[in-house]
PDB file of N, CA and C in Angstrom:
ATOM      1  N   MET A   1       0.999  14.103  -6.445  1.00  0.00           N
ATOM      2  CA  MET A   1       0.849  13.611  -5.101  1.00  0.00           C
ATOM      3  C   MET A   1       1.617  12.298  -5.004  1.00  0.00           C
ATOM      4  N   VAL A   2       2.715  12.296  -4.279  1.00  0.00           N
ATOM      5  CA  VAL A   2       3.525  11.088  -4.149  1.00  0.00           C
ATOM      6  C   VAL A   2       2.891  10.174  -3.110  1.00  0.00           C
ATOM      7  N   VAL A   3       2.788   8.891  -3.467  1.00  0.00           N
ATOM      8  CA  VAL A   3       2.284   7.873  -2.559  1.00  0.00           C
ATOM      9  C   VAL A   3       3.348   6.789  -2.418  1.00  0.00           C
ATOM     10  N   ASP A   4       3.200   5.978  -1.385  1.00  0.00           N
ATOM     11  CA  ASP A   4       4.122   4.871  -1.151  1.00  0.00           C
ATOM     12  C   ASP A   4       3.592   3.645  -1.880  1.00  0.00           C
ATOM     13  N   GLU A   5       4.379   3.104  -2.801  1.00  0.00           N
ATOM     14  CA  GLU A   5       3.930   1.942  -3.564  1.00  0.00           C
ATOM     15  C   GLU A   5       3.703   0.724  -2.667  1.00  0.00           C
ATOM     16  N   LYS A   6       4.190   0.763  -1.424  1.00  0.00           N
ATOM     17  CA  LYS A   6       3.987  -0.336  -0.477  1.00  0.00           C
ATOM     18  C   LYS A   6       2.812  -0.078   0.465  1.00  0.00           C
ATOM     19  N   ASP A   7       2.069   1.015   0.238  1.00  0.00           N
ATOM     20  CA  ASP A   7       0.897   1.319   1.052  1.00  0.00           C
ATOM     21  C   ASP A   7      -0.065   0.132   1.004  1.00  0.00           C
ATOM     22  N   LEU A   8      -0.596  -0.254   2.144  1.00  0.00           N
ATOM     23  CA  LEU A   8      -1.499  -1.404   2.229  1.00  0.00           C
ATOM     24  C   LEU A   8      -2.762  -1.239   1.384  1.00  0.00           C
ATOM     25  N   ALA A   9      -3.119  -0.010   1.064  1.00  0.00           N
ATOM     26  CA  ALA A   9      -4.315   0.232   0.239  1.00  0.00           C
ATOM     27  C   ALA A   9      -4.204  -0.439  -1.130  1.00  0.00           C
ATOM     28  N   PHE A  10      -2.985  -0.628  -1.629  1.00  0.00           N
ATOM     29  CA  PHE A  10      -2.812  -1.277  -2.928  1.00  0.00           C
ATOM     30  C   PHE A  10      -3.149  -2.770  -2.880  1.00  0.00           C
ATOM     31  N   HIS A  11      -3.128  -3.354  -1.685  1.00  0.00           N
ATOM     32  CA  HIS A  11      -3.473  -4.771  -1.539  1.00  0.00           C
ATOM     33  C   HIS A  11      -4.977  -4.997  -1.452  1.00  0.00           C
ATOM     34  N   ASN A  12      -5.716  -3.924  -1.162  1.00  0.00           N
ATOM     35  CA  ASN A  12      -7.163  -4.045  -1.002  1.00  0.00           C
ATOM     36  C   ASN A  12      -7.865  -2.844  -1.640  1.00  0.00           C
ATOM     37  N   PRO A  13      -7.881  -2.758  -2.976  1.00  0.00           N
ATOM     38  CA  PRO A  13      -8.548  -1.625  -3.636  1.00  0.00           C
ATOM     39  C   PRO A  13     -10.010  -1.542  -3.210  1.00  0.00           C
ATOM     40  N   SER A  14     -10.455  -0.351  -2.839  1.00  0.00           N
ATOM     41  CA  SER A  14     -11.812  -0.226  -2.321  1.00  0.00           C
ATOM     42  C   SER A  14     -12.546   1.031  -2.783  1.00  0.00           C
ATOM     43  N   LYS A  15     -11.916   1.887  -3.557  1.00  0.00           N
ATOM     44  CA  LYS A  15     -12.532   3.153  -3.961  1.00  0.00           C
ATOM     45  C   LYS A  15     -13.181   3.012  -5.343  1.00  0.00           C
ATOM     46  N   PRO A  16     -14.531   3.021  -5.410  1.00  0.00           N
ATOM     47  CA  PRO A  16     -15.196   2.900  -6.719  1.00  0.00           C
ATOM     48  C   PRO A  16     -14.919   4.112  -7.600  1.00  0.00           C
ATOM     49  N   ILE A  17     -14.648   3.852  -8.860  1.00  0.00           N
ATOM     50  CA  ILE A  17     -14.414   4.929  -9.830  1.00  0.00           C
ATOM     51  C   ILE A  17     -15.131   4.596 -11.131  1.00  0.00           C
ATOM     52  N   GLY A  18     -15.336   5.604 -11.936  1.00  0.00           N
ATOM     53  CA  GLY A  18     -15.883   5.395 -13.273  1.00  0.00           C
ATOM     54  C   GLY A  18     -17.350   5.032 -13.290  1.00  0.00           C
ATOM     55  N   PRO A  19     -17.838   4.737 -14.488  1.00  0.00           N
ATOM     56  CA  PRO A  19     -19.266   4.441 -14.661  1.00  0.00           C
ATOM     57  C   PRO A  19     -19.635   3.064 -14.126  1.00  0.00           C
ATOM     58  N   ALA A  20     -20.919   2.886 -13.870  1.00  0.00           N
ATOM     59  CA  ALA A  20     -21.446   1.575 -13.470  1.00  0.00           C
ATOM     60  C   ALA A  20     -21.780   0.782 -14.728  1.00  0.00           C
ATOM     61  N   PHE A  21     -21.653  -0.542 -14.636  1.00  0.00           N
ATOM     62  CA  PHE A  21     -21.988  -1.384 -15.762  1.00  0.00           C
ATOM     63  C   PHE A  21     -22.611  -2.689 -15.275  1.00  0.00           C
ATOM     64  N   ALA A  22     -23.297  -3.365 -16.167  1.00  0.00           N
ATOM     65  CA  ALA A  22     -23.976  -4.613 -15.819  1.00  0.00           C
ATOM     66  C   ALA A  22     -22.964  -5.741 -15.639  1.00  0.00           C
ATOM     67  N   GLU A  23     -23.364  -6.759 -14.885  1.00  0.00           N
ATOM     68  CA  GLU A  23     -22.469  -7.879 -14.590  1.00  0.00           C
ATOM     69  C   GLU A  23     -21.948  -8.546 -15.864  1.00  0.00           C
ATOM     70  N   GLU A  24     -22.787  -8.677 -16.866  1.00  0.00           N
ATOM     71  CA  GLU A  24     -22.349  -9.347 -18.090  1.00  0.00           C
ATOM     72  C   GLU A  24     -21.285  -8.555 -18.845  1.00  0.00           C
ATOM     73  N   ASN A  25     -21.092  -7.286 -18.491  1.00  0.00           N
ATOM     74  CA  ASN A  25     -20.075  -6.450 -19.139  1.00  0.00           C
ATOM     75  C   ASN A  25     -18.761  -6.419 -18.366  1.00  0.00           C
ATOM     76  N   ARG A  26     -18.632  -7.254 -17.350  1.00  0.00           N
ATOM     77  CA  ARG A  26     -17.383  -7.301 -16.565  1.00  0.00           C
ATOM     78  C   ARG A  26     -16.370  -8.184 -17.290  1.00  0.00           C
ATOM     79  N   SER A  27     -15.933  -7.753 -18.445  1.00  0.00           N
ATOM     80  CA  SER A  27     -15.118  -8.597 -19.312  1.00  0.00           C
ATOM     81  C   SER A  27     -13.623  -8.542 -19.023  1.00  0.00           C
ATOM     82  N   GLN A  28     -13.153  -7.606 -18.229  1.00  0.00           N
ATOM     83  CA  GLN A  28     -11.727  -7.495 -17.964  1.00  0.00           C
ATOM     84  C   GLN A  28     -11.427  -8.040 -16.575  1.00  0.00           C
ATOM     85  N   PRO A  29     -11.045  -9.313 -16.471  1.00  0.00           N
ATOM     86  CA  PRO A  29     -10.807  -9.921 -15.157  1.00  0.00           C
ATOM     87  C   PRO A  29      -9.640  -9.311 -14.403  1.00  0.00           C
ATOM     88  N   SER A  30      -8.758  -8.569 -15.093  1.00  0.00           N
ATOM     89  CA  SER A  30      -7.621  -7.964 -14.410  1.00  0.00           C
ATOM     90  C   SER A  30      -8.028  -6.737 -13.587  1.00  0.00           C
ATOM     91  N   LEU A  31      -9.247  -6.234 -13.800  1.00  0.00           N
ATOM     92  CA  LEU A  31      -9.713  -5.070 -13.064  1.00  0.00           C
ATOM     93  C   LEU A  31     -10.571  -5.507 -11.886  1.00  0.00           C
ATOM     94  N   SER A  32     -10.297  -4.945 -10.719  1.00  0.00           N
ATOM     95  CA  SER A  32     -11.121  -5.231  -9.543  1.00  0.00           C
ATOM     96  C   SER A  32     -12.421  -4.453  -9.661  1.00  0.00           C
ATOM     97  N   THR A  33     -13.526  -5.100  -9.320  1.00  0.00           N
ATOM     98  CA  THR A  33     -14.823  -4.442  -9.358  1.00  0.00           C
ATOM     99  C   THR A  33     -15.573  -4.709  -8.059  1.00  0.00           C
ATOM    100  N   VAL A  34     -16.589  -3.898  -7.824  1.00  0.00           N
ATOM    101  CA  VAL A  34     -17.445  -4.065  -6.653  1.00  0.00           C
ATOM    102  C   VAL A  34     -18.880  -3.791  -7.094  1.00  0.00           C
ATOM    103  N   LYS A  35     -19.811  -4.502  -6.492  1.00  0.00           N
ATOM    104  CA  LYS A  35     -21.214  -4.280  -6.815  1.00  0.00           C
ATOM    105  C   LYS A  35     -21.715  -3.084  -6.012  1.00  0.00           C
ATOM    106  N   THR A  36     -22.353  -2.146  -6.701  1.00  0.00           N
ATOM    107  CA  THR A  36     -22.944  -0.968  -6.070  1.00  0.00           C
ATOM    108  C   THR A  36     -24.429  -0.962  -6.401  1.00  0.00           C
ATOM    109  N   PRO A  37     -25.213  -0.094  -5.762  1.00  0.00           N
ATOM    110  CA  PRO A  37     -26.651  -0.029  -6.073  1.00  0.00           C
ATOM    111  C   PRO A  37     -26.938   0.257  -7.555  1.00  0.00           C
ATOM    112  N   LYS A  38     -26.016   0.915  -8.249  1.00  0.00           N
ATOM    113  CA  LYS A  38     -26.239   1.256  -9.659  1.00  0.00           C
ATOM    114  C   LYS A  38     -25.649   0.225 -10.620  1.00  0.00           C
ATOM    115  N   GLY A  39     -24.975  -0.789 -10.096  1.00  0.00           N
ATOM    116  CA  GLY A  39     -24.325  -1.789 -10.938  1.00  0.00           C
ATOM    117  C   GLY A  39     -22.896  -2.001 -10.482  1.00  0.00           C
ATOM    118  N   TYR A  40     -22.098  -2.639 -11.304  1.00  0.00           N
ATOM    119  CA  TYR A  40     -20.699  -2.893 -10.959  1.00  0.00           C
ATOM    120  C   TYR A  40     -19.839  -1.699 -11.333  1.00  0.00           C
ATOM    121  N   ARG A  41     -18.860  -1.418 -10.475  1.00  0.00           N
ATOM    122  CA  ARG A  41     -17.926  -0.335 -10.760  1.00  0.00           C
ATOM    123  C   ARG A  41     -16.511  -0.823 -10.494  1.00  0.00           C
ATOM    124  N   ARG A  42     -15.593  -0.276 -11.209  1.00  0.00           N
ATOM    125  CA  ARG A  42     -14.181  -0.567 -11.000  1.00  0.00           C
ATOM    126  C   ARG A  42     -13.747   0.019  -9.661  1.00  0.00           C
ATOM    127  N   VAL A  43     -12.822  -0.654  -8.961  1.00  0.00           N
ATOM    128  CA  VAL A  43     -12.274  -0.116  -7.712  1.00  0.00           C
ATOM    129  C   VAL A  43     -10.757  -0.031  -7.813  1.00  0.00           C
ATOM    130  N   VAL A  44     -10.214   1.019  -7.205  1.00  0.00           N
ATOM    131  CA  VAL A  44      -8.765   1.219  -7.152  1.00  0.00           C
ATOM    132  C   VAL A  44      -8.361   1.525  -5.716  1.00  0.00           C
ATOM    133  N   ALA A  45      -7.074   1.533  -5.486  1.00  0.00           N
ATOM    134  CA  ALA A  45      -6.534   1.847  -4.162  1.00  0.00           C
ATOM    135  C   ALA A  45      -6.704   3.335  -3.859  1.00  0.00           C
ATOM    136  N   SER A  46      -6.744   3.643  -2.565  1.00  0.00           N
ATOM    137  CA  SER A  46      -6.774   5.037  -2.120  1.00  0.00           C
ATOM    138  C   SER A  46      -5.700   5.207  -1.039  1.00  0.00           C
ATOM    139  N   PRO A  47      -4.420   5.236  -1.467  1.00  0.00           N
ATOM    140  CA  PRO A  47      -3.326   5.338  -0.503  1.00  0.00           C
ATOM    141  C   PRO A  47      -3.219   6.729   0.119  1.00  0.00           C
ATOM    142  N   ARG A  48      -2.554   6.782   1.272  1.00  0.00           N
ATOM    143  CA  ARG A  48      -2.323   8.066   1.935  1.00  0.00           C
ATOM    144  C   ARG A  48      -1.238   8.840   1.187  1.00  0.00           C
ATOM    145  N   PRO A  49      -1.409  10.139   1.039  1.00  0.00           N
ATOM    146  CA  PRO A  49      -0.369  10.940   0.379  1.00  0.00           C
ATOM    147  C   PRO A  49       0.892  11.024   1.248  1.00  0.00           C
ATOM    148  N   VAL A  50       2.044  10.955   0.609  1.00  0.00           N
ATOM    149  CA  VAL A  50       3.320  11.041   1.312  1.00  0.00           C
ATOM    150  C   VAL A  50       3.883  12.455   1.229  1.00  0.00           C
ATOM    151  N   THR A  51       3.858  13.021   0.039  1.00  0.00           N
ATOM    152  CA  THR A  51       4.352  14.385  -0.162  1.00  0.00           C
ATOM    153  C   THR A  51       3.768  14.939  -1.450  1.00  0.00           C
ATOM    154  N   ILE A  52       3.875  16.240  -1.606  1.00  0.00           N
ATOM    155  CA  ILE A  52       3.364  16.915  -2.796  1.00  0.00           C
ATOM    156  C   ILE A  52       4.542  17.345  -3.657  1.00  0.00           C
ATOM    157  N   VAL A  53       4.530  16.946  -4.907  1.00  0.00           N
ATOM    158  CA  VAL A  53       5.652  17.202  -5.809  1.00  0.00           C
ATOM    159  C   VAL A  53       5.939  18.699  -5.918  1.00  0.00           C
ATOM    160  N   GLU A  54       4.915  19.515  -6.093  1.00  0.00           N
ATOM    161  CA  GLU A  54       5.110  20.957  -6.334  1.00  0.00           C
ATOM    162  C   GLU A  54       5.018  21.812  -5.064  1.00  0.00           C
ATOM    163  N   LYS A  55       5.305  21.263  -3.895  1.00  0.00           N
ATOM    164  CA  LYS A  55       5.122  22.025  -2.660  1.00  0.00           C
ATOM    165  C   LYS A  55       5.974  23.298  -2.608  1.00  0.00           C
ATOM    166  N   ARG A  56       7.184  23.265  -3.140  1.00  0.00           N
ATOM    167  CA  ARG A  56       8.028  24.465  -3.114  1.00  0.00           C
ATOM    168  C   ARG A  56       7.445  25.569  -3.979  1.00  0.00           C
ATOM    169  N   GLU A  57       6.951  25.188  -5.144  1.00  0.00           N
ATOM    170  CA  GLU A  57       6.358  26.169  -6.055  1.00  0.00           C
ATOM    171  C   GLU A  57       5.089  26.771  -5.449  1.00  0.00           C
ATOM    172  N   ILE A  58       4.280  25.931  -4.814  1.00  0.00           N
ATOM    173  CA  ILE A  58       3.059  26.414  -4.173  1.00  0.00           C
ATOM    174  C   ILE A  58       3.403  27.375  -3.040  1.00  0.00           C
ATOM    175  N   ARG A  59       4.381  27.022  -2.210  1.00  0.00           N
ATOM    176  CA  ARG A  59       4.812  27.899  -1.106  1.00  0.00           C
ATOM    177  C   ARG A  59       5.306  29.231  -1.645  1.00  0.00           C
ATOM    178  N   LYS A  60       6.067  29.212  -2.745  1.00  0.00           N
ATOM    179  CA  LYS A  60       6.578  30.435  -3.348  1.00  0.00           C
ATOM    180  C   LYS A  60       5.434  31.332  -3.818  1.00  0.00           C
ATOM    181  N   LEU A  61       4.418  30.745  -4.455  1.00  0.00           N
ATOM    182  CA  LEU A  61       3.263  31.529  -4.901  1.00  0.00           C
ATOM    183  C   LEU A  61       2.531  32.153  -3.715  1.00  0.00           C
ATOM    184  N   ILE A  62       2.380  31.395  -2.635  1.00  0.00           N
ATOM    185  CA  ILE A  62       1.737  31.928  -1.422  1.00  0.00           C
ATOM    186  C   ILE A  62       2.555  33.094  -0.884  1.00  0.00           C
ATOM    187  N   ASP A  63       3.876  32.921  -0.810  1.00  0.00           N
ATOM    188  CA  ASP A  63       4.760  33.983  -0.311  1.00  0.00           C
ATOM    189  C   ASP A  63       4.684  35.244  -1.171  1.00  0.00           C
ATOM    190  N   LEU A  64       4.390  35.074  -2.462  1.00  0.00           N
ATOM    191  CA  LEU A  64       4.271  36.214  -3.367  1.00  0.00           C
ATOM    192  C   LEU A  64       2.888  36.863  -3.321  1.00  0.00           C
ATOM    193  N   GLY A  65       1.994  36.324  -2.489  1.00  0.00           N
ATOM    194  CA  GLY A  65       0.679  36.925  -2.314  1.00  0.00           C
ATOM    195  C   GLY A  65      -0.422  36.360  -3.187  1.00  0.00           C
ATOM    196  N   PHE A  66      -0.145  35.307  -3.922  1.00  0.00           N
ATOM    197  CA  PHE A  66      -1.168  34.689  -4.764  1.00  0.00           C
ATOM    198  C   PHE A  66      -2.119  33.848  -3.921  1.00  0.00           C
ATOM    199  N   ILE A  67      -3.360  33.772  -4.358  1.00  0.00           N
ATOM    200  CA  ILE A  67      -4.308  32.821  -3.786  1.00  0.00           C
ATOM    201  C   ILE A  67      -4.156  31.553  -4.614  1.00  0.00           C
ATOM    202  N   VAL A  68      -3.745  30.482  -3.964  1.00  0.00           N
ATOM    203  CA  VAL A  68      -3.439  29.241  -4.677  1.00  0.00           C
ATOM    204  C   VAL A  68      -4.555  28.230  -4.469  1.00  0.00           C
ATOM    205  N   ILE A  69      -5.044  27.688  -5.554  1.00  0.00           N
ATOM    206  CA  ILE A  69      -6.026  26.606  -5.499  1.00  0.00           C
ATOM    207  C   ILE A  69      -5.294  25.362  -5.971  1.00  0.00           C
ATOM    208  N   ALA A  70      -5.171  24.377  -5.070  1.00  0.00           N
ATOM    209  CA  ALA A  70      -4.377  23.193  -5.389  1.00  0.00           C
ATOM    210  C   ALA A  70      -5.021  21.945  -4.797  1.00  0.00           C
ATOM    211  N   CYS A  71      -4.538  20.801  -5.226  1.00  0.00           N
ATOM    212  CA  CYS A  71      -4.997  19.489  -4.734  1.00  0.00           C
ATOM    213  C   CYS A  71      -6.452  19.210  -5.077  1.00  0.00           C
ATOM    214  N   GLY A  72      -6.937  19.805  -6.140  1.00  0.00           N
ATOM    215  CA  GLY A  72      -8.305  19.546  -6.557  1.00  0.00           C
ATOM    216  C   GLY A  72      -8.525  18.075  -6.853  1.00  0.00           C
ATOM    217  N   GLY A  73      -9.535  17.504  -6.250  1.00  0.00           N
ATOM    218  CA  GLY A  73      -9.817  16.086  -6.448  1.00  0.00           C
ATOM    219  C   GLY A  73      -8.787  15.175  -5.832  1.00  0.00           C
ATOM    220  N   GLY A  74      -7.864  15.708  -5.070  1.00  0.00           N
ATOM    221  CA  GLY A  74      -6.860  14.890  -4.402  1.00  0.00           C
ATOM    222  C   GLY A  74      -5.521  14.850  -5.106  1.00  0.00           C
ATOM    223  N   GLY A  75      -5.480  15.216  -6.366  1.00  0.00           N
ATOM    224  CA  GLY A  75      -4.213  15.204  -7.086  1.00  0.00           C
ATOM    225  C   GLY A  75      -3.985  13.910  -7.851  1.00  0.00           C
ATOM    226  N   ILE A  76      -2.928  13.880  -8.606  1.00  0.00           N
ATOM    227  CA  ILE A  76      -2.578  12.719  -9.417  1.00  0.00           C
ATOM    228  C   ILE A  76      -1.599  11.859  -8.629  1.00  0.00           C
ATOM    229  N   PRO A  77      -1.960  10.599  -8.348  1.00  0.00           N
ATOM    230  CA  PRO A  77      -1.072   9.745  -7.564  1.00  0.00           C
ATOM    231  C   PRO A  77       0.115   9.234  -8.387  1.00  0.00           C
ATOM    232  N   VAL A  78       1.312   9.411  -7.836  1.00  0.00           N
ATOM    233  CA  VAL A  78       2.542   8.936  -8.478  1.00  0.00           C
ATOM    234  C   VAL A  78       3.436   8.290  -7.432  1.00  0.00           C
ATOM    235  N   VAL A  79       4.340   7.434  -7.885  1.00  0.00           N
ATOM    236  CA  VAL A  79       5.393   6.896  -7.036  1.00  0.00           C
ATOM    237  C   VAL A  79       6.720   7.375  -7.605  1.00  0.00           C
ATOM    238  N   ARG A  80       7.683   7.525  -6.722  1.00  0.00           N
ATOM    239  CA  ARG A  80       8.999   7.988  -7.145  1.00  0.00           C
ATOM    240  C   ARG A  80       9.803   6.806  -7.674  1.00  0.00           C
ATOM    241  N   GLU A  81      10.434   7.013  -8.824  1.00  0.00           N
ATOM    242  CA  GLU A  81      11.338   6.030  -9.412  1.00  0.00           C
ATOM    243  C   GLU A  81      12.646   6.748  -9.680  1.00  0.00           C
ATOM    244  N   ARG A  82      13.576   6.623  -8.756  1.00  0.00           N
ATOM    245  CA  ARG A  82      14.842   7.351  -8.787  1.00  0.00           C
ATOM    246  C   ARG A  82      14.552   8.841  -8.844  1.00  0.00           C
ATOM    247  N   ARG A  83      14.902   9.509  -9.934  1.00  0.00           N
ATOM    248  CA  ARG A  83      14.688  10.960 -10.030  1.00  0.00           C
ATOM    249  C   ARG A  83      13.445  11.309 -10.857  1.00  0.00           C
ATOM    250  N   ALA A  84      12.603  10.312 -11.111  1.00  0.00           N
ATOM    251  CA  ALA A  84      11.399  10.533 -11.918  1.00  0.00           C
ATOM    252  C   ALA A  84      10.180  10.023 -11.158  1.00  0.00           C
ATOM    253  N   PHE A  85       9.021  10.218 -11.744  1.00  0.00           N
ATOM    254  CA  PHE A  85       7.774   9.770 -11.150  1.00  0.00           C
ATOM    255  C   PHE A  85       7.033   8.879 -12.142  1.00  0.00           C
ATOM    256  N   HIS A  86       6.251   7.968 -11.595  1.00  0.00           N
ATOM    257  CA  HIS A  86       5.464   7.046 -12.408  1.00  0.00           C
ATOM    258  C   HIS A  86       4.039   7.040 -11.871  1.00  0.00           C
ATOM    259  N   GLY A  87       3.054   7.278 -12.731  1.00  0.00           N
ATOM    260  CA  GLY A  87       1.662   7.273 -12.310  1.00  0.00           C
ATOM    261  C   GLY A  87       1.219   5.885 -11.861  1.00  0.00           C
ATOM    262  N   VAL A  88       0.317   5.844 -10.879  1.00  0.00           N
ATOM    263  CA  VAL A  88      -0.213   4.576 -10.388  1.00  0.00           C
ATOM    264  C   VAL A  88      -1.737   4.599 -10.453  1.00  0.00           C
ATOM    265  N   ASP A  89      -2.307   3.412 -10.508  1.00  0.00           N
ATOM    266  CA  ASP A  89      -3.751   3.238 -10.604  1.00  0.00           C
ATOM    267  C   ASP A  89      -4.358   3.413  -9.211  1.00  0.00           C
ATOM    268  N   ALA A  90      -4.707   4.632  -8.868  1.00  0.00           N
ATOM    269  CA  ALA A  90      -5.213   4.930  -7.529  1.00  0.00           C
ATOM    270  C   ALA A  90      -5.912   6.284  -7.553  1.00  0.00           C
ATOM    271  N   VAL A  91      -6.542   6.623  -6.428  1.00  0.00           N
ATOM    272  CA  VAL A  91      -7.100   7.957  -6.222  1.00  0.00           C
ATOM    273  C   VAL A  91      -6.656   8.441  -4.852  1.00  0.00           C
ATOM    274  N   ILE A  92      -6.560   9.736  -4.706  1.00  0.00           N
ATOM    275  CA  ILE A  92      -6.142  10.338  -3.451  1.00  0.00           C
ATOM    276  C   ILE A  92      -7.339  11.043  -2.828  1.00  0.00           C
ATOM    277  N   ASP A  93      -7.574  10.792  -1.545  1.00  0.00           N
ATOM    278  CA  ASP A  93      -8.637  11.477  -0.829  1.00  0.00           C
ATOM    279  C   ASP A  93      -8.314  12.971  -0.774  1.00  0.00           C
ATOM    280  N   LYS A  94      -9.266  13.797  -1.212  1.00  0.00           N
ATOM    281  CA  LYS A  94      -8.997  15.240  -1.304  1.00  0.00           C
ATOM    282  C   LYS A  94      -8.754  15.894   0.045  1.00  0.00           C
ATOM    283  N   ASP A  95      -9.400  15.411   1.104  1.00  0.00           N
ATOM    284  CA  ASP A  95      -9.159  15.986   2.429  1.00  0.00           C
ATOM    285  C   ASP A  95      -7.762  15.651   2.928  1.00  0.00           C
ATOM    286  N   LEU A  96      -7.310  14.415   2.693  1.00  0.00           N
ATOM    287  CA  LEU A  96      -5.951  14.035   3.088  1.00  0.00           C
ATOM    288  C   LEU A  96      -4.915  14.799   2.270  1.00  0.00           C
ATOM    289  N   ALA A  97      -5.200  15.013   0.985  1.00  0.00           N
ATOM    290  CA  ALA A  97      -4.295  15.777   0.134  1.00  0.00           C
ATOM    291  C   ALA A  97      -4.196  17.221   0.621  1.00  0.00           C
ATOM    292  N   SER A  98      -5.319  17.797   0.964  1.00  0.00           N
ATOM    293  CA  SER A  98      -5.327  19.183   1.452  1.00  0.00           C
ATOM    294  C   SER A  98      -4.590  19.303   2.781  1.00  0.00           C
ATOM    295  N   ALA A  99      -4.784  18.331   3.664  1.00  0.00           N
ATOM    296  CA  ALA A  99      -4.087  18.345   4.952  1.00  0.00           C
ATOM    297  C   ALA A  99      -2.578  18.215   4.752  1.00  0.00           C
ATOM    298  N   LYS A 100      -2.161  17.358   3.822  1.00  0.00           N
ATOM    299  CA  LYS A 100      -0.730  17.194   3.535  1.00  0.00           C
ATOM    300  C   LYS A 100      -0.157  18.487   2.977  1.00  0.00           C
ATOM    301  N   LEU A 101      -0.906  19.152   2.086  1.00  0.00           N
ATOM    302  CA  LEU A 101      -0.441  20.425   1.542  1.00  0.00           C
ATOM    303  C   LEU A 101      -0.298  21.463   2.639  1.00  0.00           C
ATOM    304  N   ALA A 102      -1.292  21.561   3.515  1.00  0.00           N
ATOM    305  CA  ALA A 102      -1.233  22.523   4.620  1.00  0.00           C
ATOM    306  C   ALA A 102      -0.004  22.271   5.491  1.00  0.00           C
ATOM    307  N   GLU A 103       0.247  21.008   5.765  1.00  0.00           N
ATOM    308  CA  GLU A 103       1.419  20.633   6.572  1.00  0.00           C
ATOM    309  C   GLU A 103       2.716  21.022   5.871  1.00  0.00           C
ATOM    310  N   GLU A 104       2.813  20.724   4.596  1.00  0.00           N
ATOM    311  CA  GLU A 104       4.068  20.919   3.879  1.00  0.00           C
ATOM    312  C   GLU A 104       4.385  22.370   3.554  1.00  0.00           C
ATOM    313  N   VAL A 105       3.371  23.214   3.419  1.00  0.00           N
ATOM    314  CA  VAL A 105       3.657  24.627   3.147  1.00  0.00           C
ATOM    315  C   VAL A 105       3.590  25.465   4.420  1.00  0.00           C
ATOM    316  N   GLY A 106       3.229  24.834   5.545  1.00  0.00           N
ATOM    317  CA  GLY A 106       3.268  25.513   6.834  1.00  0.00           C
ATOM    318  C   GLY A 106       2.192  26.553   7.047  1.00  0.00           C
ATOM    319  N   VAL A 107       0.955  26.223   6.728  1.00  0.00           N
ATOM    320  CA  VAL A 107      -0.116  27.191   6.945  1.00  0.00           C
ATOM    321  C   VAL A 107      -0.393  27.379   8.432  1.00  0.00           C
ATOM    322  N   ASP A 108      -0.930  28.538   8.797  1.00  0.00           N
ATOM    323  CA  ASP A 108      -1.270  28.814  10.189  1.00  0.00           C
ATOM    324  C   ASP A 108      -2.620  28.225  10.562  1.00  0.00           C
ATOM    325  N   ILE A 109      -3.564  28.248   9.609  1.00  0.00           N
ATOM    326  CA  ILE A 109      -4.913  27.743   9.869  1.00  0.00           C
ATOM    327  C   ILE A 109      -5.301  26.835   8.707  1.00  0.00           C
ATOM    328  N   PHE A 110      -5.814  25.666   9.034  1.00  0.00           N
ATOM    329  CA  PHE A 110      -6.304  24.741   8.020  1.00  0.00           C
ATOM    330  C   PHE A 110      -7.765  24.467   8.334  1.00  0.00           C
ATOM    331  N   LEU A 111      -8.641  24.734   7.388  1.00  0.00           N
ATOM    332  CA  LEU A 111     -10.078  24.612   7.605  1.00  0.00           C
ATOM    333  C   LEU A 111     -10.705  23.878   6.429  1.00  0.00           C
ATOM    334  N   ILE A 112     -11.520  22.879   6.724  1.00  0.00           N
ATOM    335  CA  ILE A 112     -12.293  22.200   5.684  1.00  0.00           C
ATOM    336  C   ILE A 112     -13.757  22.546   5.898  1.00  0.00           C
ATOM    337  N   ALA A 113     -14.331  23.257   4.939  1.00  0.00           N
ATOM    338  CA  ALA A 113     -15.748  23.626   5.032  1.00  0.00           C
ATOM    339  C   ALA A 113     -16.566  22.512   4.390  1.00  0.00           C
ATOM    340  N   THR A 114     -17.626  22.112   5.054  1.00  0.00           N
ATOM    341  CA  THR A 114     -18.465  21.018   4.543  1.00  0.00           C
ATOM    342  C   THR A 114     -19.925  21.299   4.875  1.00  0.00           C
ATOM    343  N   ASP A 115     -20.813  20.692   4.117  1.00  0.00           N
ATOM    344  CA  ASP A 115     -22.242  20.876   4.402  1.00  0.00           C
ATOM    345  C   ASP A 115     -22.799  19.685   5.155  1.00  0.00           C
ATOM    346  N   VAL A 116     -21.946  18.774   5.594  1.00  0.00           N
ATOM    347  CA  VAL A 116     -22.385  17.591   6.327  1.00  0.00           C
ATOM    348  C   VAL A 116     -22.626  17.951   7.779  1.00  0.00           C
TER     349      VAL A 116
END
């Protein structure tokens, strides 16, 4: 999942990830943390997806009649560096990732089922 390294989300990390820990265990000052009801948790950026790296391959599988399950958990966030990709410390919202995939492969119907 390609993201823009200039996305404003990188300036204000807000998505809690990983286990909770006590305040006295916040030993890495380089990591942003937030207090939650269960303790402190690390926070990372949640930028908007720009494009999906494997969109052509996914479209080809759909065209061949396969049922494709993709963008689980939002995908792995990367930024483009010339002709390569570099992973970034972030998470991708799974609904935004799914919407981007639907847009890029040209689906006729996009539906998100939820129990909310």
